[in-house]
């Protein structure tokens, strides 16, 4: 496939050639996940989306059209790539440039310049606002402003280099899933792209048995396979019988409690609206009775329930003050 063919491919799909390039692979069965992983390794500074695939029996290659979230001229893309244990070689082909002046490939030199209105009315401002909003949201799952891909998760033990363990990956996934302002299909794609090995197989099997599954269904399936085996009642019992150890900082005890509380929420064993209240109640019961910070928290028991961030901030600040005070006393003695 030559640059002109890549440009024609872009024009057929009505895609901006400035944001596209073609990946020429050996004619073998490569999954979309493998292609995305290869691009993450070869061109880590951008995000791409597969827009089309073609197999050529004559050249024994598979051509993949990739659309990027930035101009491909800004990518540090090598012309050839070698990957895999088999030593596969792939080639990157850029579409032809546009006119010598840098115009669009579909424009012609004889086209008259566009007329520019000398006045801008409210209708134009409204239309411009709608256009900017559409561009911001975008139709591609890689157009999100500030979008950072999830780390890989396979469920393998020990955890391979470059991957997250289950609890870290699940906590991050639950958080960003509520923040992504994109269609459900794109949410599922982002989750699936971060999965490898047994974790990817879990989602694949889910899709075979449930055609209309959601991104939350993906996470629930992974929770069933890789999450803690205790049910919600067991975790709640463990939570209520977790106490601050001798010499353990109160902030460490709170964080230890919160990890169990997070698992209870994943098992749907607690109303999220009651989390702060339940957390403070257990801290009051399970902390060391003579802990100086705990004494202050008990005095505030009748006040408004603190959120996790408020609670941990107040405790850490008090711990820092006590540490400074202790060092000053030690220096004076």
Protein backbone atom coordinates (compact mmCIF):
# COMPACT_ATOMS: atom_id res chain seq x y z
CA UNK A 1 0.00 0.00 0.00
CA UNK A 2 1.46 3.35 -1.07
CA UNK A 3 0.81 6.84 0.38
CA UNK A 4 -1.69 7.73 -2.36
CA UNK A 5 -3.77 4.64 -1.59
CA UNK A 6 -3.77 5.53 2.11
CA UNK A 7 -4.98 9.04 1.26
CA UNK A 8 -7.79 7.64 -0.91
CA UNK A 9 -8.77 5.28 1.90
CA UNK A 10 -9.06 8.25 4.27
CA UNK A 11 -11.15 10.21 1.79
CA UNK A 12 -13.49 7.24 1.26
CA UNK A 13 -14.16 7.11 5.02
CA UNK A 14 -14.31 10.92 5.23
CA UNK A 15 -11.38 11.05 7.66
CA UNK A 16 -8.83 13.86 7.95
CA UNK A 17 -5.61 12.58 6.38
CA UNK A 18 -3.56 14.79 8.71
CA UNK A 19 -4.60 12.49 11.58
CA UNK A 20 -4.18 9.12 9.84
CA UNK A 21 -1.56 6.60 8.84
CA UNK A 22 -1.63 2.96 7.73
CA UNK A 23 0.00 0.04 9.53
CA UNK A 24 1.09 -2.79 7.21
CA UNK A 25 1.28 -6.12 9.06
CA UNK A 26 2.19 -9.63 7.89
CA UNK A 27 -0.92 -11.46 6.73
CA UNK A 28 -1.72 -13.20 10.00
CA UNK A 29 -4.59 -12.96 12.45
CA UNK A 30 -3.88 -9.98 14.71
CA UNK A 31 -6.54 -8.91 17.20
CA UNK A 32 -7.42 -5.25 17.69
CA UNK A 33 -6.07 -5.52 21.23
CA UNK A 34 -2.67 -6.67 19.90
CA UNK A 35 -2.61 -3.79 17.42
CA UNK A 36 -3.41 -1.24 20.12
CA UNK A 37 -0.70 -2.72 22.38
CA UNK A 38 1.83 -2.51 19.55
CA UNK A 39 0.98 1.13 18.91
CA UNK A 40 1.23 1.94 22.63
CA UNK A 41 4.78 0.59 22.62
CA UNK A 42 5.90 2.08 19.31
CA UNK A 43 4.17 5.50 19.50
CA UNK A 44 3.40 6.19 23.19
CA UNK A 45 2.86 9.93 22.73
CA UNK A 46 -0.53 9.62 21.00
CA UNK A 47 -3.83 7.74 21.06
CA UNK A 48 -5.18 5.98 18.00
CA UNK A 49 -8.41 4.35 16.85
CA UNK A 50 -8.72 1.58 14.25
CA UNK A 51 -10.92 2.85 11.40
CA UNK A 52 -10.51 0.01 8.90
CA UNK A 53 -8.66 -3.20 8.01
CA UNK A 54 -7.85 -4.75 4.60
CA UNK A 55 -6.10 -7.99 3.67
CA UNK A 56 -4.04 -8.20 0.48
CA UNK A 57 -3.40 -11.74 -0.82
CA UNK A 58 -0.91 -10.48 -3.40
CA UNK A 59 1.47 -8.80 -0.93
CA UNK A 60 0.50 -11.12 1.96
CA UNK A 61 -0.14 -8.16 4.25
CA UNK A 62 -2.92 -6.79 6.38
CA UNK A 63 -3.39 -3.01 6.20
CA UNK A 64 -4.84 -1.21 9.20
CA UNK A 65 -6.01 2.41 8.95
CA UNK A 66 -5.36 4.26 12.22
CA UNK A 67 -6.81 7.64 13.17
CA UNK A 68 -4.92 9.59 15.85
CA UNK A 69 -5.99 12.25 18.33
CA UNK A 70 -3.27 14.55 16.99
CA UNK A 71 -1.63 15.30 13.66
CA UNK A 72 0.53 12.35 12.62
CA UNK A 73 3.29 14.74 11.59
CA UNK A 74 3.82 15.36 15.30
CA UNK A 75 4.29 11.65 16.05
CA UNK A 76 7.74 10.17 16.42
CA UNK A 77 6.81 7.19 14.26
CA UNK A 78 9.52 4.89 12.82
CA UNK A 79 9.03 3.73 9.22
CA UNK A 80 9.43 0.04 10.15
CA UNK A 81 8.71 -1.89 13.34
CA UNK A 82 9.92 -5.32 14.46
CA UNK A 83 7.88 -7.05 17.16
CA UNK A 84 7.00 -10.39 18.74
CA UNK A 85 9.11 -13.49 19.36
CA UNK A 86 8.63 -14.44 15.71
CA UNK A 87 10.34 -11.24 14.61
CA UNK A 88 7.34 -9.86 12.72
CA UNK A 89 8.04 -6.72 10.74
CA UNK A 90 5.47 -3.99 10.15
CA UNK A 91 5.60 -0.79 8.13
CA UNK A 92 3.96 2.58 8.76
CA UNK A 93 2.71 4.47 5.71
CA UNK A 94 1.69 8.12 5.85
CA UNK A 95 -0.88 9.47 3.38
CA UNK A 96 0.27 11.89 0.69
CA UNK A 97 0.57 15.50 1.67
CA UNK A 98 -2.06 17.96 0.47
CA UNK A 99 -1.38 20.93 -1.75
CA UNK A 100 2.08 22.57 -1.63
CA UNK A 101 0.57 25.29 0.51
CA UNK A 102 -0.45 22.68 3.10
CA UNK A 103 -4.15 22.61 2.18
CA UNK A 104 -6.52 19.69 2.42
CA UNK A 105 -5.82 16.76 0.06
CA UNK A 106 -9.34 17.06 -1.30
CA UNK A 107 -9.02 20.74 -2.24
CA UNK A 108 -7.98 21.97 -5.72
CA UNK A 109 -5.84 24.89 -6.71
CA UNK A 110 -8.63 26.42 -8.83
CA UNK A 111 -11.19 26.64 -6.04
CA UNK A 112 -12.09 30.24 -5.18
CA UNK A 113 -11.34 31.42 -1.66
CA UNK A 114 -14.20 31.21 0.81
CA UNK A 115 -16.01 34.45 1.44
CA UNK A 116 -15.61 35.75 4.98
CA UNK A 117 -18.49 37.64 6.57
CA UNK A 118 -17.58 40.98 8.06
CA UNK A 119 -20.15 40.65 10.84
CA UNK A 120 -20.65 37.93 13.45
CA UNK A 121 -24.19 37.60 14.76
CA UNK A 122 -25.67 35.60 17.64
CA UNK A 123 -26.60 32.71 15.32
CA UNK A 124 -22.97 32.30 14.34
CA UNK A 125 -21.85 32.32 18.00
CA UNK A 126 -24.44 29.66 18.87
CA UNK A 127 -23.41 27.47 15.95
CA UNK A 128 -19.76 27.88 16.86
CA UNK A 129 -20.50 26.85 20.45
CA UNK A 130 -22.31 23.71 19.29
CA UNK A 131 -19.42 22.87 16.99
CA UNK A 132 -16.82 23.26 19.76
CA UNK A 133 -18.90 21.08 22.10
CA UNK A 134 -19.08 18.32 19.49
CA UNK A 135 -15.34 18.53 18.88
CA UNK A 136 -14.65 18.38 22.61
CA UNK A 137 -16.73 15.26 23.14
CA UNK A 138 -15.72 13.74 19.82
CA UNK A 139 -16.95 10.59 18.19
CA UNK A 140 -13.75 8.65 18.86
CA UNK A 141 -13.06 7.10 22.27
CA UNK A 142 -9.58 8.60 22.15
CA UNK A 143 -10.61 12.24 21.78
CA UNK A 144 -11.42 12.89 25.44
CA UNK A 145 -9.53 15.85 26.84
CA UNK A 146 -7.15 14.70 29.53
CA UNK A 147 -7.92 11.04 28.87
CA UNK A 148 -5.28 8.76 30.37
CA UNK A 149 -5.44 5.08 29.53
CA UNK A 150 -5.85 2.52 32.28
CA UNK A 151 -2.85 0.41 33.15
CA UNK A 152 -2.86 -3.19 31.99
CA UNK A 153 -4.39 -5.95 34.10
CA UNK A 154 -4.15 -9.68 33.39
CA UNK A 155 -4.80 -11.28 36.78
CA UNK A 156 -1.44 -13.08 36.64
CA UNK A 157 0.51 -13.76 39.83
CA UNK A 158 3.05 -12.46 40.57
CA UNK A 159 1.93 -9.20 38.95
CA UNK A 160 3.96 -8.68 35.72
CA UNK A 161 6.00 -5.52 35.27
CA UNK A 162 3.91 -2.69 33.85
CA UNK A 163 0.60 -4.07 35.15
CA UNK A 164 -1.60 -3.25 38.14
CA UNK A 165 -2.77 -5.71 40.74
CA UNK A 166 -6.50 -6.36 40.87
CA UNK A 167 -7.47 -4.01 43.69
CA UNK A 168 -5.51 -1.05 42.28
CA UNK A 169 -6.84 -1.61 38.78
CA UNK A 170 -10.45 -2.04 39.93
CA UNK A 171 -10.36 1.05 42.15
CA UNK A 172 -9.04 3.18 39.28
CA UNK A 173 -11.55 1.69 36.82
CA UNK A 174 -14.53 2.35 39.09
CA UNK A 175 -13.44 5.96 39.49
CA UNK A 176 -12.85 6.81 35.83
CA UNK A 177 -15.96 4.96 34.64
CA UNK A 178 -18.10 7.56 36.40
CA UNK A 179 -15.99 10.39 34.97
CA UNK A 180 -15.86 9.36 31.29
CA UNK A 181 -18.42 11.44 29.38
CA UNK A 182 -18.53 9.12 26.37
CA UNK A 183 -20.95 6.55 24.89
CA UNK A 184 -21.27 3.16 26.57
CA UNK A 185 -19.58 1.38 23.65
CA UNK A 186 -16.48 3.51 24.07
CA UNK A 187 -16.40 2.87 27.81
CA UNK A 188 -16.38 -0.86 27.15
CA UNK A 189 -13.62 -0.43 24.59
CA UNK A 190 -11.42 1.49 27.01
CA UNK A 191 -11.88 -1.19 29.67
CA UNK A 192 -11.24 -4.03 27.22
CA UNK A 193 -8.06 -2.42 25.89
CA UNK A 194 -6.48 -2.54 29.35
CA UNK A 195 -7.08 -6.27 29.80
CA UNK A 196 -4.72 -9.11 29.01
CA UNK A 197 -4.58 -12.87 29.45
CA UNK A 198 -7.17 -14.38 31.77
CA UNK A 199 -8.79 -10.99 32.42
CA UNK A 200 -9.41 -10.48 28.69
CA UNK A 201 -10.78 -14.03 28.45
CA UNK A 202 -13.25 -13.25 31.27
CA UNK A 203 -14.75 -10.33 29.33
CA UNK A 204 -14.76 -12.32 26.09
CA UNK A 205 -16.75 -15.11 27.73
CA UNK A 206 -19.14 -12.57 29.25
CA UNK A 207 -19.90 -11.08 25.82
CA UNK A 208 -20.64 -14.56 24.45
CA UNK A 209 -23.26 -15.18 27.13
CA UNK A 210 -24.64 -11.63 27.42
CA UNK A 211 -24.92 -9.64 24.22
CA UNK A 212 -26.10 -6.35 25.77
CA UNK A 213 -23.56 -6.18 28.60
CA UNK A 214 -22.29 -2.82 29.89
CA UNK A 215 -18.92 -1.57 31.12
CA UNK A 216 -20.14 -2.12 34.69
CA UNK A 217 -20.95 -5.73 33.72
CA UNK A 218 -17.31 -6.06 32.64
CA UNK A 219 -16.14 -4.92 36.07
CA UNK A 220 -18.63 -7.16 37.86
CA UNK A 221 -17.42 -10.19 35.92
CA UNK A 222 -13.80 -9.37 36.77
CA UNK A 223 -14.83 -8.91 40.41
CA UNK A 224 -16.38 -12.39 40.39
CA UNK A 225 -13.24 -13.97 38.95
CA UNK A 226 -10.40 -12.01 40.55
CA UNK A 227 -11.99 -10.24 43.54
CA UNK A 228 -12.05 -11.39 47.11
CA UNK A 229 -14.06 -14.56 47.65
CA UNK A 230 -15.75 -13.41 50.85
CA UNK A 231 -19.38 -12.36 50.51
CA UNK A 232 -20.61 -8.98 51.70
CA UNK A 233 -21.65 -10.31 55.12
CA UNK A 234 -18.18 -11.81 55.73
CA UNK A 235 -16.47 -8.58 54.72
CA UNK A 236 -18.80 -6.53 56.94
CA UNK A 237 -17.97 -8.81 59.89
CA UNK A 238 -14.27 -8.40 59.15
CA UNK A 239 -14.71 -4.63 58.94
CA UNK A 240 -16.48 -4.47 62.30
CA UNK A 241 -13.74 -6.54 63.93
CA UNK A 242 -10.74 -4.66 62.55
CA UNK A 243 -8.95 -2.70 65.27
CA UNK A 244 -6.06 -0.28 65.45
CA UNK A 245 -2.84 -2.08 66.35
CA UNK A 246 -0.45 -0.96 69.08
CA UNK A 247 1.91 1.61 67.62
CA UNK A 248 -0.12 1.89 64.42
CA UNK A 249 -0.83 5.42 63.24
CA UNK A 250 -4.50 6.31 63.17
CA UNK A 251 -4.17 7.37 59.52
CA UNK A 252 -2.82 3.90 58.61
CA UNK A 253 -5.69 2.28 60.51
CA UNK A 254 -8.25 4.40 58.62
CA UNK A 255 -6.71 3.48 55.26
CA UNK A 256 -6.74 -0.20 56.25
CA UNK A 257 -10.43 0.06 57.10
CA UNK A 258 -11.18 1.86 53.86
CA UNK A 259 -9.77 -0.97 51.73
CA UNK A 260 -12.22 -3.41 53.36
CA UNK A 261 -15.04 -0.88 53.00
CA UNK A 262 -14.30 -0.54 49.30
CA UNK A 263 -14.64 -4.32 48.87
CA UNK A 264 -18.00 -4.23 50.67
CA UNK A 265 -19.20 -1.59 48.22
CA UNK A 266 -18.08 -3.71 45.27
CA UNK A 267 -20.13 -6.59 46.69
CA UNK A 268 -23.10 -4.19 47.06
CA UNK A 269 -23.21 -4.91 50.79
CA UNK A 270 -23.67 -1.29 51.84
CA UNK A 271 -25.56 1.78 50.68
CA UNK A 272 -22.90 4.25 49.38
CA UNK A 273 -24.76 7.07 51.17
CA UNK A 274 -23.94 5.43 54.52
CA UNK A 275 -20.21 4.91 53.90
CA UNK A 276 -18.95 7.96 55.82
CA UNK A 277 -21.21 7.25 58.79
CA UNK A 278 -20.20 3.57 58.96
CA UNK A 279 -16.51 4.44 58.65
CA UNK A 280 -16.53 6.96 61.50
CA UNK A 281 -18.57 4.60 63.70
CA UNK A 282 -15.99 1.81 63.32
CA UNK A 283 -13.07 4.18 63.90
CA UNK A 284 -14.63 5.32 67.17
CA UNK A 285 -15.08 1.68 68.20
CA UNK A 286 -11.86 0.17 66.86
CA UNK A 287 -9.21 2.81 67.54
CA UNK A 288 -6.93 2.67 70.56
CA UNK A 289 -8.91 4.35 73.39
CA UNK A 290 -5.91 6.44 74.55
CA UNK A 291 -4.89 7.61 71.09
CA UNK A 292 -4.65 11.43 71.49
CA UNK A 293 -6.14 12.09 68.05
CA UNK A 294 -8.98 9.67 68.76
CA UNK A 295 -9.87 11.59 71.90
CA UNK A 296 -10.39 14.73 69.80
CA UNK A 297 -12.52 12.85 67.26
CA UNK A 298 -14.76 11.51 70.04
CA UNK A 299 -15.37 15.09 71.18
CA UNK A 300 -16.64 15.86 67.65
CA UNK A 301 -18.88 12.81 67.49
CA UNK A 302 -22.08 14.83 67.67
CA UNK A 303 -21.03 17.14 64.82
CA UNK A 304 -21.48 16.56 61.08
CA UNK A 305 -20.01 13.26 59.85
CA UNK A 306 -16.65 13.75 58.17
CA UNK A 307 -16.02 12.40 54.68
CA UNK A 308 -12.98 10.21 54.06
CA UNK A 309 -10.93 13.09 52.65
CA UNK A 310 -11.87 15.42 55.51
CA UNK A 311 -11.18 12.71 58.08
CA UNK A 312 -7.80 11.61 56.75
CA UNK A 313 -6.70 15.24 56.26
CA UNK A 314 -7.55 16.17 59.84
CA UNK A 315 -5.89 13.06 61.27
CA UNK A 316 -2.68 13.49 59.26
CA UNK A 317 -2.41 17.15 60.21
CA UNK A 318 -2.81 16.25 63.88
CA UNK A 319 -0.23 13.47 63.53
CA UNK A 320 2.21 15.95 62.00
CA UNK A 321 1.64 18.42 64.87
CA UNK A 322 2.21 15.72 67.49
CA UNK A 323 5.37 14.60 65.71
CA UNK A 324 6.77 18.14 65.68
CA UNK A 325 5.81 18.60 69.33
CA UNK A 326 7.51 15.33 70.25
CA UNK A 327 10.71 16.26 68.44
CA UNK A 328 10.79 19.63 70.20
CA UNK A 329 10.35 17.98 73.61
CA UNK A 330 13.10 15.49 72.81
CA UNK A 331 15.47 18.24 71.74
CA UNK A 332 14.90 20.28 74.93
CA UNK A 333 15.44 17.33 77.30
